[in-house]
C-alpha atoms as a PDB file:
ATOM      1  CA  MET A   1     -57.017 -53.568 -55.789  1.00  0.00           C
ATOM      2  CA  LYS A   2     -59.138 -52.813 -58.794  1.00  0.00           C
ATOM      3  CA  MET A   3     -62.225 -50.744 -59.582  1.00  0.00           C
ATOM      4  CA  HIS A   4     -65.681 -52.413 -60.363  1.00  0.00           C
ATOM      5  CA  LEU A   5     -68.311 -50.882 -62.481  1.00  0.00           C
ATOM      6  CA  SER A   6     -71.322 -52.368 -63.922  1.00  0.00           C
ATOM      7  CA  PHE A   7     -73.039 -50.590 -66.758  1.00  0.00           C
ATOM      8  CA  ALA A   8     -76.523 -51.463 -68.099  1.00  0.00           C
ATOM      9  CA  THR A   9     -76.522 -51.247 -72.068  1.00  0.00           C
ATOM     10  CA  ARG A  10     -79.083 -51.504 -74.894  1.00  0.00           C
ATOM     11  CA  ASP A  11     -76.448 -53.241 -76.991  1.00  0.00           C
ATOM     12  CA  ILE A  12     -73.861 -55.820 -75.559  1.00  0.00           C
ATOM     13  CA  ASP A  13     -72.096 -55.929 -78.990  1.00  0.00           C
ATOM     14  CA  ALA A  14     -71.453 -52.342 -79.603  1.00  0.00           C
ATOM     15  CA  SER A  15     -70.905 -51.674 -76.254  1.00  0.00           C
ATOM     16  CA  VAL A  16     -68.320 -54.586 -76.278  1.00  0.00           C
ATOM     17  CA  ALA A  17     -66.608 -52.921 -79.574  1.00  0.00           C
ATOM     18  CA  PHE A  18     -66.400 -49.802 -77.696  1.00  0.00           C
ATOM     19  CA  TYR A  19     -64.527 -50.782 -74.694  1.00  0.00           C
ATOM     20  CA  ARG A  20     -62.501 -53.436 -76.382  1.00  0.00           C
ATOM     21  CA  THR A  21     -61.188 -50.282 -78.274  1.00  0.00           C
ATOM     22  CA  LEU A  22     -61.208 -47.824 -75.272  1.00  0.00           C
ATOM     23  CA  LEU A  23     -59.357 -50.049 -73.166  1.00  0.00           C
ATOM     24  CA  LEU A  24     -57.356 -52.366 -75.517  1.00  0.00           C
ATOM     25  CA  ALA A  25     -58.512 -55.544 -74.177  1.00  0.00           C
ATOM     26  CA  GLU A  26     -60.772 -58.346 -75.073  1.00  0.00           C
ATOM     27  CA  PRO A  27     -63.686 -59.254 -72.719  1.00  0.00           C
ATOM     28  CA  THR A  28     -63.081 -62.165 -70.261  1.00  0.00           C
ATOM     29  CA  LYS A  29     -66.730 -62.974 -70.602  1.00  0.00           C
ATOM     30  CA  HIS A  30     -69.159 -62.402 -73.596  1.00  0.00           C
ATOM     31  CA  TYR A  31     -72.555 -63.527 -73.869  1.00  0.00           C
ATOM     32  CA  ALA A  32     -75.817 -62.284 -75.301  1.00  0.00           C
ATOM     33  CA  ASP A  33     -76.846 -60.520 -72.363  1.00  0.00           C
ATOM     34  CA  TYR A  34     -73.494 -59.939 -70.431  1.00  0.00           C
ATOM     35  CA  ALA A  35     -69.929 -59.312 -70.869  1.00  0.00           C
ATOM     36  CA  LEU A  36     -66.934 -58.664 -68.585  1.00  0.00           C
ATOM     37  CA  PHE A  37     -63.672 -56.881 -68.884  1.00  0.00           C
ATOM     38  CA  LEU A  38     -60.853 -57.632 -66.463  1.00  0.00           C
ATOM     39  CA  THR A  39     -57.752 -55.101 -67.118  1.00  0.00           C
ATOM     40  CA  ASP A  40     -54.819 -54.331 -65.147  1.00  0.00           C
ATOM     41  CA  GLN A  41     -53.887 -51.236 -66.647  1.00  0.00           C
ATOM     42  CA  PRO A  42     -56.145 -49.418 -65.752  1.00  0.00           C
ATOM     43  CA  GLY A  43     -56.768 -51.814 -62.711  1.00  0.00           C
ATOM     44  CA  LEU A  44     -60.624 -52.317 -63.689  1.00  0.00           C
ATOM     45  CA  GLU A  45     -63.458 -55.025 -63.790  1.00  0.00           C
ATOM     46  CA  LEU A  46     -66.177 -53.473 -66.121  1.00  0.00           C
ATOM     47  CA  ALA A  47     -69.330 -55.671 -66.178  1.00  0.00           C
ATOM     48  CA  LEU A  48     -72.067 -54.777 -68.986  1.00  0.00           C
ATOM     49  CA  ASP A  49     -75.648 -55.971 -68.594  1.00  0.00           C
ATOM     50  CA  LEU A  50     -77.961 -56.116 -71.390  1.00  0.00           C
ATOM     51  CA  ASN A  51     -80.976 -53.836 -70.428  1.00  0.00           C
ATOM     52  CA  SER A  52     -83.060 -52.390 -73.212  1.00  0.00           C
ATOM     53  CA  GLN A  53     -84.827 -49.847 -71.049  1.00  0.00           C
ATOM     54  CA  THR A  54     -81.054 -47.931 -69.806  1.00  0.00           C
ATOM     55  CA  ASN A  55     -81.250 -44.237 -70.180  1.00  0.00           C
ATOM     56  CA  VAL A  56     -78.029 -42.714 -69.291  1.00  0.00           C
ATOM     57  CA  ARG A  57     -78.896 -39.090 -67.983  1.00  0.00           C
ATOM     58  CA  GLU A  58     -76.959 -38.969 -64.715  1.00  0.00           C
ATOM     59  CA  GLY A  59     -74.643 -35.946 -65.675  1.00  0.00           C
ATOM     60  CA  ALA A  60     -71.559 -38.125 -64.836  1.00  0.00           C
ATOM     61  CA  HIS A  61     -68.561 -38.829 -66.837  1.00  0.00           C
ATOM     62  CA  TYR A  62     -65.740 -41.290 -66.311  1.00  0.00           C
ATOM     63  CA  GLY A  63     -62.045 -41.320 -66.933  1.00  0.00           C
ATOM     64  CA  VAL A  64     -58.528 -43.174 -67.365  1.00  0.00           C
ATOM     65  CA  VAL A  65     -55.614 -41.263 -66.507  1.00  0.00           C
ATOM     66  CA  ALA A  66     -52.662 -41.812 -68.753  1.00  0.00           C
ATOM     67  CA  GLU A  67     -49.217 -42.390 -67.159  1.00  0.00           C
ATOM     68  CA  LYS A  68     -47.527 -40.644 -70.104  1.00  0.00           C
ATOM     69  CA  PRO A  69     -48.647 -37.992 -72.889  1.00  0.00           C
ATOM     70  CA  GLU A  70     -48.177 -41.039 -75.358  1.00  0.00           C
ATOM     71  CA  ASP A  71     -51.065 -42.971 -73.891  1.00  0.00           C
ATOM     72  CA  VAL A  72     -53.477 -40.227 -74.886  1.00  0.00           C
ATOM     73  CA  ASP A  73     -52.141 -40.485 -78.416  1.00  0.00           C
ATOM     74  CA  ALA A  74     -52.484 -44.289 -78.698  1.00  0.00           C
ATOM     75  CA  VAL A  75     -56.023 -43.974 -77.229  1.00  0.00           C
ATOM     76  CA  ILE A  76     -57.085 -41.299 -79.891  1.00  0.00           C
ATOM     77  CA  ALA A  77     -55.553 -43.449 -82.756  1.00  0.00           C
ATOM     78  CA  ARG A  78     -57.390 -46.382 -81.397  1.00  0.00           C
ATOM     79  CA  LEU A  79     -60.816 -44.809 -81.441  1.00  0.00           C
ATOM     80  CA  ARG A  80     -60.191 -42.731 -84.365  1.00  0.00           C
ATOM     81  CA  SER A  81     -59.423 -45.952 -86.415  1.00  0.00           C
ATOM     82  CA  ALA A  82     -62.583 -47.510 -85.208  1.00  0.00           C
ATOM     83  CA  GLY A  83     -64.702 -44.568 -86.200  1.00  0.00           C
ATOM     84  CA  TYR A  84     -65.976 -43.331 -83.123  1.00  0.00           C
ATOM     85  CA  ALA A  85     -66.593 -39.334 -82.664  1.00  0.00           C
ATOM     86  CA  LEU A  86     -63.808 -37.879 -80.571  1.00  0.00           C
ATOM     87  CA  ASP A  87     -63.135 -34.486 -78.565  1.00  0.00           C
ATOM     88  CA  VAL A  88     -59.528 -33.897 -78.552  1.00  0.00           C
ATOM     89  CA  GLU A  89     -58.238 -31.029 -76.052  1.00  0.00           C
ATOM     90  CA  THR A  90     -54.628 -30.149 -75.925  1.00  0.00           C
ATOM     91  CA  ALA A  91     -52.808 -28.093 -73.109  1.00  0.00           C
ATOM     92  CA  GLN A  92     -56.519 -27.086 -71.629  1.00  0.00           C
ATOM     93  CA  THR A  93     -57.053 -25.880 -67.833  1.00  0.00           C
ATOM     94  CA  CYS A  94     -59.320 -27.946 -66.426  1.00  0.00           C
ATOM     95  CA  CYS A  95     -60.126 -29.085 -62.629  1.00  0.00           C
ATOM     96  CA  TYR A  96     -56.784 -27.124 -61.695  1.00  0.00           C
ATOM     97  CA  ALA A  97     -54.274 -29.000 -64.098  1.00  0.00           C
ATOM     98  CA  VAL A  98     -53.319 -28.406 -67.794  1.00  0.00           C
ATOM     99  CA  GLN A  99     -54.175 -31.448 -69.406  1.00  0.00           C
ATOM    100  CA  ASN A 100     -54.209 -33.277 -72.766  1.00  0.00           C
ATOM    101  CA  LYS A 101     -57.343 -35.140 -73.179  1.00  0.00           C
ATOM    102  CA  VAL A 102     -59.661 -37.241 -75.573  1.00  0.00           C
ATOM    103  CA  TRP A 103     -63.349 -37.576 -74.843  1.00  0.00           C
ATOM    104  CA  ALA A 104     -65.476 -40.540 -76.516  1.00  0.00           C
ATOM    105  CA  THR A 105     -69.022 -41.447 -75.843  1.00  0.00           C
ATOM    106  CA  ASP A 106     -70.061 -45.293 -75.324  1.00  0.00           C
ATOM    107  CA  PRO A 107     -73.094 -46.478 -77.070  1.00  0.00           C
ATOM    108  CA  ASP A 108     -75.360 -45.664 -74.358  1.00  0.00           C
ATOM    109  CA  GLY A 109     -74.239 -42.104 -73.880  1.00  0.00           C
ATOM    110  CA  ARG A 110     -71.546 -42.248 -71.150  1.00  0.00           C
ATOM    111  CA  ARG A 111     -68.827 -39.947 -71.472  1.00  0.00           C
ATOM    112  CA  TRP A 112     -65.211 -41.406 -71.288  1.00  0.00           C
ATOM    113  CA  GLU A 113     -62.047 -39.122 -71.064  1.00  0.00           C
ATOM    114  CA  THR A 114     -58.660 -40.359 -71.358  1.00  0.00           C
ATOM    115  CA  TYR A 115     -56.425 -37.471 -70.052  1.00  0.00           C
ATOM    116  CA  TYR A 116     -52.543 -36.694 -69.007  1.00  0.00           C
ATOM    117  CA  VAL A 117     -51.917 -33.890 -66.598  1.00  0.00           C
ATOM    118  CA  LEU A 118     -49.100 -31.859 -68.264  1.00  0.00           C
ATOM    119  CA  ALA A 119     -49.003 -29.508 -64.860  1.00  0.00           C
ATOM    120  CA  GLU A 120     -50.961 -28.624 -62.218  1.00  0.00           C
ATOM    121  CA  THR A 121     -52.309 -24.979 -61.575  1.00  0.00           C
ATOM    122  CA  GLU A 122     -54.422 -22.667 -59.250  1.00  0.00           C
ATOM    123  CA  GLU A 123     -56.727 -21.793 -61.881  1.00  0.00           C
ATOM    124  CA  ARG A 124     -60.080 -24.594 -62.390  1.00  0.00           C
ATOM    125  CA  ASP A 125     -60.332 -23.527 -65.923  1.00  0.00           C
ATOM    126  CA  ASN A 126     -60.394 -20.454 -67.995  1.00  0.00           C
ATOM    127  CA  GLU A 127     -62.658 -18.552 -70.229  1.00  0.00           C
ATOM    128  CA  MET A 128     -61.745 -20.915 -73.045  1.00  0.00           C
ATOM    129  CA  THR A 129     -62.224 -24.166 -71.028  1.00  0.00           C
ATOM    130  CA  THR A 130     -65.977 -25.706 -70.502  1.00  0.00           C
ATOM    131  CA  CYS A 131     -64.421 -28.759 -68.902  1.00  0.00           C
ATOM    132  CA  CYS A 132     -65.915 -30.672 -65.914  1.00  0.00           C
ATOM    133  CA  GLY A 133     -66.924 -26.864 -64.829  1.00  0.00           C
ATOM    134  CA  GLY A 134     -69.338 -26.480 -68.162  1.00  0.00           C
ATOM    135  CA  PRO A 135     -72.910 -27.260 -68.873  1.00  0.00           C
ATOM    136  CA  ALA A 136     -73.940 -30.481 -67.390  1.00  0.00           C
ATOM    137  CA  PRO A 137     -73.224 -33.703 -69.111  1.00  0.00           C
ATOM    138  CA  ALA A 138     -76.998 -34.683 -69.202  1.00  0.00           C
ATOM    139  CA  GLN A 139     -77.932 -31.500 -71.012  1.00  0.00           C
ATOM    140  CA  THR A 140     -75.198 -31.785 -73.749  1.00  0.00           C
ATOM    141  CA  ASP A 141     -73.953 -35.595 -74.284  1.00  0.00           C
ATOM    142  CA  ALA A 142     -76.738 -36.664 -77.019  1.00  0.00           C
ATOM    143  CA  CYS A 143     -76.531 -33.355 -78.450  1.00  0.00           C
ATOM    144  CA  CYS A 144     -72.851 -33.219 -78.876  1.00  0.00           C
ATOM    145  CA  ILE A 145     -72.408 -36.409 -80.299  1.00  0.00           C
ATOM    146  CA  ASN A 146     -74.914 -35.198 -82.737  1.00  0.00           C
ATOM    147  CA  ASP A 147     -73.339 -31.963 -83.366  1.00  0.00           C
ATOM    148  CA  ALA A 148     -70.014 -33.654 -84.026  1.00  0.00           C
ATOM    149  CA  ASN A 149     -71.450 -35.843 -86.622  1.00  0.00           C
ATOM    150  CA  ALA A 150     -73.381 -32.786 -88.182  1.00  0.00           C
ATOM    151  CA  ARG A 151     -70.040 -30.763 -88.394  1.00  0.00           C
ATOM    152  CA  ALA A 152     -68.155 -33.823 -89.887  1.00  0.00           C
ATOM    153  CA  ALA A 153     -70.805 -33.683 -92.581  1.00  0.00           C
ATOM    154  CA  GLY A 154     -70.193 -29.891 -93.113  1.00  0.00           C
ATOM    155  CA  GLU A 155     -73.693 -29.264 -91.353  1.00  0.00           C
ATOM    156  CA  SER A 156     -73.819 -26.464 -88.625  1.00  0.00           C
ATOM    157  CA  GLY A 157     -74.509 -29.044 -85.794  1.00  0.00           C
ATOM    158  CA  CYS A 158     -76.535 -27.795 -82.741  1.00  0.00           C
ATOM    159  CA  GLY A 159     -74.350 -25.434 -81.392  1.00  0.00           C
ATOM    160  CA  CYS A 160     -72.824 -27.288 -78.574  1.00  0.00           C
ATOM    161  CA  PRO A 161     -69.524 -25.760 -76.782  1.00  0.00           C
ATOM    162  CA  LYS A 162     -66.481 -26.480 -78.764  1.00  0.00           C
ATOM    163  CA  ASN A 163     -64.233 -23.777 -77.626  1.00  0.00           C
ATOM    164  CA  THR A 164     -61.953 -26.219 -75.655  1.00  0.00           C
ATOM    165  CA  ILE A 165     -62.021 -28.770 -78.460  1.00  0.00           C
ATOM    166  CA  GLU A 166     -58.941 -29.108 -80.921  1.00  0.00           C
ATOM    167  CA  LYS A 167     -60.756 -31.571 -83.111  1.00  0.00           C
ATOM    168  CA  GLN A 168     -64.305 -32.969 -83.462  1.00  0.00           C
ATOM    169  CA  LEU A 169     -63.880 -36.232 -85.896  1.00  0.00           C
ATOM    170  CA  ALA A 170     -67.025 -38.355 -86.805  1.00  0.00           C
ATOM    171  CA  VAL A 171     -66.322 -41.010 -88.978  1.00  0.00           C
ATOM    172  CA  PRO A 172     -69.170 -42.785 -90.382  1.00  0.00           C
ATOM    173  CA  LYS A 173     -69.283 -46.762 -89.250  1.00  0.00           C
END
């Protein structure tokens, strides 16, 4: 059994490049207006449809659960090497679990986390953690992408919360 997701995207090639890196997979189909990824790890069928009017503001985020901590490190290395802005969290409490995770944002603004649960906890989060219980992604995602890029350029940024972020890295493409 696999999950199927279908995302509208404003730029097929940029989205294919992002998901190729995130999923460590080549698209099964790749046309000017459509791409399809079929993966076993994670079990996923991801369709990308060209739609220049797409506006991601749903407040959701998406995730991949890693089987071992090294899997998170490998995703960090791939995304960093490809030049994507990252938020890396180490041993942070979020959603009743202590986790290592990395956040990246696709070209249309969808936030993706890859995470490994180090331990379960009775605490949802703590004062140092905004995690999933923090500001709605629809309010912060575009800002935080710009914020990470501004901080990487030595500017002050827009003030997005960063107290759970070990590193914010933005490498110019």
